[in-house]
Protein backbone atom coordinates (compact mmCIF):
# COMPACT_ATOMS: atom_id res chain seq x y z
CA UNK A 1 1.43 5.07 29.13
CA UNK A 2 -0.51 7.29 31.52
CA UNK A 3 -1.86 9.67 28.86
CA UNK A 4 -3.38 6.91 26.72
CA UNK A 5 -6.22 6.17 29.14
CA UNK A 6 -7.42 9.78 29.01
CA UNK A 7 -7.38 10.04 25.18
CA UNK A 8 -10.92 8.61 24.75
CA UNK A 9 -12.13 11.09 27.38
CA UNK A 10 -10.48 13.98 25.53
CA UNK A 11 -11.99 12.75 22.24
CA UNK A 12 -15.45 12.46 23.81
CA UNK A 13 -15.20 15.97 25.24
CA UNK A 14 -14.09 17.30 21.84
CA UNK A 15 -16.98 15.48 20.15
CA UNK A 16 -19.45 17.01 22.60
CA UNK A 17 -18.06 20.49 21.95
CA UNK A 18 -18.15 19.87 18.20
CA UNK A 19 -21.78 18.71 18.46
CA UNK A 20 -22.53 22.07 20.08
CA UNK A 21 -21.07 23.78 16.98
CA UNK A 22 -17.44 24.25 18.06
CA UNK A 23 -15.53 23.97 14.77
CA UNK A 24 -12.15 24.21 16.53
CA UNK A 25 -13.01 21.15 18.63
CA UNK A 26 -13.94 19.27 15.47
CA UNK A 27 -10.71 20.43 13.85
CA UNK A 28 -8.80 18.96 16.79
CA UNK A 29 -10.58 15.63 16.25
CA UNK A 30 -9.57 15.74 12.59
CA UNK A 31 -5.95 16.43 13.56
CA UNK A 32 -5.95 13.61 16.11
CA UNK A 33 -7.45 10.95 13.82
CA UNK A 34 -6.80 11.85 10.18
CA UNK A 35 -3.71 9.63 9.90
CA UNK A 36 -5.64 6.56 11.07
CA UNK A 37 -8.59 7.35 8.79
CA UNK A 38 -6.26 7.92 5.83
CA UNK A 39 -4.39 4.66 6.47
CA UNK A 40 -7.64 2.66 6.42
CA UNK A 41 -8.91 4.58 3.37
CA UNK A 42 -5.65 3.93 1.51
CA UNK A 43 -5.75 0.25 2.44
CA UNK A 44 -9.29 -0.09 1.15
CA UNK A 45 -8.89 2.10 -1.94
CA UNK A 46 -5.28 1.17 -2.85
CA UNK A 47 -4.92 4.59 -4.47
CA UNK A 48 -3.76 7.79 -2.76
CA UNK A 49 -6.12 10.12 -4.62
CA UNK A 50 -9.17 7.94 -3.94
CA UNK A 51 -8.08 7.59 -0.29
CA UNK A 52 -7.89 11.38 0.01
CA UNK A 53 -11.45 11.58 -1.35
CA UNK A 54 -12.57 9.04 1.25
CA UNK A 55 -10.74 10.98 3.97
CA UNK A 56 -12.54 14.17 2.99
CA UNK A 57 -15.91 12.42 2.75
CA UNK A 58 -15.36 10.79 6.14
CA UNK A 59 -14.84 14.07 7.95
CA UNK A 60 -17.68 15.79 6.06
CA UNK A 61 -19.99 12.96 7.09
CA UNK A 62 -18.65 13.03 10.64
CA UNK A 63 -19.26 16.79 10.92
CA UNK A 64 -22.84 16.33 9.73
CA UNK A 65 -23.41 13.44 12.15
CA UNK A 66 -21.36 14.59 15.16
CA UNK A 67 -24.55 15.27 17.11
CA UNK A 68 -25.43 11.57 16.87
CA UNK A 69 -22.13 10.41 18.42
CA UNK A 70 -23.04 8.70 21.70
CA UNK A 71 -19.65 7.38 22.92
CA UNK A 72 -20.77 3.73 22.71
CA UNK A 73 -17.43 3.24 20.97
CA UNK A 74 -14.36 5.45 20.78
CA UNK A 75 -14.32 8.45 18.47
CA UNK A 76 -11.60 6.71 16.43
CA UNK A 77 -13.77 3.62 15.97
CA UNK A 78 -16.73 5.81 15.00
CA UNK A 79 -14.61 7.69 12.44
CA UNK A 80 -13.12 4.48 11.03
CA UNK A 81 -16.62 3.05 10.64
CA UNK A 82 -17.62 6.14 8.66
CA UNK A 83 -14.42 5.84 6.59
CA UNK A 84 -15.10 2.19 5.88
CA UNK A 85 -18.59 2.99 4.60
CA UNK A 86 -17.30 5.92 2.55
CA UNK A 87 -14.64 3.69 0.98
CA UNK A 88 -17.16 1.01 0.09
CA UNK A 89 -19.42 3.65 -1.49
CA UNK A 90 -16.49 5.11 -3.43
CA UNK A 91 -15.35 1.66 -4.58
CA UNK A 92 -18.85 0.92 -5.81
CA UNK A 93 -18.72 4.11 -7.90
CA UNK A 94 -15.42 3.18 -9.54
CA UNK A 95 -15.71 -0.60 -9.49
CA UNK A 96 -14.80 -0.92 -13.16
CA UNK A 97 -11.89 1.52 -12.95
CA UNK A 98 -8.43 0.06 -12.42
CA UNK A 99 -6.76 1.77 -9.46
CA UNK A 100 -2.98 2.15 -9.45
CA UNK A 101 -1.80 0.75 -6.09
CA UNK A 102 1.50 2.66 -6.20
CA UNK A 103 1.32 6.33 -5.13
CA UNK A 104 3.25 8.79 -7.29
CA UNK A 105 5.39 9.84 -4.29
CA UNK A 106 6.52 6.23 -3.83
CA UNK A 107 7.35 5.90 -7.50
CA UNK A 108 9.42 9.10 -7.30
CA UNK A 109 11.39 7.80 -4.33
CA UNK A 110 11.95 4.47 -6.06
CA UNK A 111 13.23 6.42 -9.09
CA UNK A 112 15.83 8.08 -6.86
CA UNK A 113 14.24 11.51 -6.39
CA UNK A 114 15.40 12.34 -2.86
CA UNK A 115 15.51 9.97 0.08
CA UNK A 116 18.16 7.46 1.06
CA UNK A 117 21.17 6.33 -0.97
CA UNK A 118 20.53 4.00 -3.89
CA UNK A 119 21.90 1.03 -1.91
CA UNK A 120 19.74 1.81 1.13
CA UNK A 121 16.79 2.45 -1.11
CA UNK A 122 17.31 -0.85 -2.91
CA UNK A 123 17.42 -2.84 0.34
CA UNK A 124 14.49 -0.99 1.87
CA UNK A 125 12.58 -1.25 -1.39
CA UNK A 126 13.17 -4.97 -1.60
CA UNK A 127 11.93 -5.49 1.95
CA UNK A 128 8.96 -3.20 1.42
CA UNK A 129 8.13 -4.79 -1.92
CA UNK A 130 8.41 -8.26 -0.43
CA UNK A 131 6.09 -7.36 2.44
CA UNK A 132 3.72 -5.35 0.23
CA UNK A 133 3.47 -8.20 -2.27
CA UNK A 134 2.73 -10.67 0.53
CA UNK A 135 0.25 -8.28 2.16
CA UNK A 136 -1.38 -7.52 -1.19
CA UNK A 137 -2.06 -11.19 -1.89
CA UNK A 138 -4.08 -11.52 1.30
CA UNK A 139 -7.85 -11.37 1.03
CA UNK A 140 -9.34 -7.91 1.72
CA UNK A 141 -10.76 -9.12 5.05
CA UNK A 142 -7.28 -10.15 6.24
CA UNK A 143 -5.70 -6.86 5.12
CA UNK A 144 -8.44 -4.90 6.84
CA UNK A 145 -8.20 -6.65 10.22
CA UNK A 146 -4.38 -6.49 10.23
CA UNK A 147 -4.50 -2.77 9.49
CA UNK A 148 -7.09 -2.00 12.16
CA UNK A 149 -5.53 -4.10 14.91
CA UNK A 150 -1.79 -4.09 14.16
CA UNK A 151 -1.17 -0.83 12.29
CA UNK A 152 -3.84 1.45 13.75
CA UNK A 153 -3.63 -0.18 17.19
CA UNK A 154 -7.36 -0.41 17.81
CA UNK A 155 -8.32 -2.46 20.84
CA UNK A 156 -9.73 -5.92 20.31
CA UNK A 157 -13.17 -4.73 21.35
CA UNK A 158 -13.11 -1.72 19.03
CA UNK A 159 -11.88 -3.86 16.12
CA UNK A 160 -14.59 -6.43 16.75
CA UNK A 161 -17.23 -3.70 16.98
CA UNK A 162 -16.06 -2.00 13.79
CA UNK A 163 -16.14 -5.28 11.86
CA UNK A 164 -19.43 -6.42 13.40
CA UNK A 165 -17.86 -9.50 15.00
CA UNK A 166 -17.80 -10.99 18.46
CA UNK A 167 -14.48 -10.56 20.27
CA UNK A 168 -13.77 -14.30 19.95
CA UNK A 169 -14.50 -14.26 16.21
CA UNK A 170 -12.30 -11.17 15.75
CA UNK A 171 -9.41 -12.86 17.60
CA UNK A 172 -9.79 -15.96 15.48
CA UNK A 173 -9.85 -13.95 12.25
CA UNK A 174 -6.86 -11.85 13.37
CA UNK A 175 -4.81 -14.95 14.22
CA UNK A 176 -5.67 -16.50 10.88
CA UNK A 177 -4.72 -13.26 9.05
CA UNK A 178 -1.36 -13.08 10.85
CA UNK A 179 -0.58 -16.70 9.99
CA UNK A 180 -1.63 -16.12 6.38
CA UNK A 181 0.65 -13.05 6.18
CA UNK A 182 3.59 -14.99 7.63
CA UNK A 183 3.00 -17.74 5.05
CA UNK A 184 2.85 -15.20 2.21
CA UNK A 185 6.04 -13.48 3.38
CA UNK A 186 7.81 -16.83 3.54
CA UNK A 187 6.57 -17.67 0.03
CA UNK A 188 7.78 -14.26 -1.24
CA UNK A 189 11.21 -14.86 0.31
CA UNK A 190 11.40 -18.29 -1.29
CA UNK A 191 10.59 -16.83 -4.72
CA UNK A 192 13.03 -13.93 -4.22
CA UNK A 193 15.91 -16.31 -3.45
CA UNK A 194 15.55 -18.17 -6.73
C-alpha cells in the first residue's frame, strides 16, 4: 500500500519532535505502536496485568531514552526491543510466581458473558483453544519469532535485528517455528478427534 512506505518516515519525524520535548508527538507514537508492544508483552508475560505493566514500563523507558533514538532501525523495532527487555526484567522479578495465561476477559466470554451465540462461541473457542494449546507448547523462541514476524508484521530485517540474528539465521528459525507450529496443530487435532 502506498502509505506504508511513509510510516517509518512519519515515526522518525515524531521521534525527533518527541526528543525535542513534544509530548503530543510522543503520544502519537504511543497510539501508533501500543498494540504491537502490548501483543509482544502479553506473549512474553502470558498474563494481561503483567503485560500492561510491561507496556507502561516500555513507554516510560522510551520517553526517557527518546533522545538516543537514531533511526538505525524503525521506531517499532526500537520500542519492541525496549518491551522485550522490560518483559525479561519483569519475568526475573516474578520468576517464582505462577502467571495465569488466561485473561479474565477471555474467561468471561467463555462463560457466556456477552459475545457470540453459545454455538458460535463453542466452535470459535475450540479452534482458538486448539491453536493456543499448539502455540503454547512451542518453545519461547518459536513463539517470539512467530509473533514478531507473522502477527506484528515486522520485516525480516527488523525481526533479525531485534533478535540479534543474521537475516539468514532469522529466516531459518522462522521456518523451523512455522513447521513446529503446524506439527503441534496437527497433533492437537489428532488428540481432539479421539
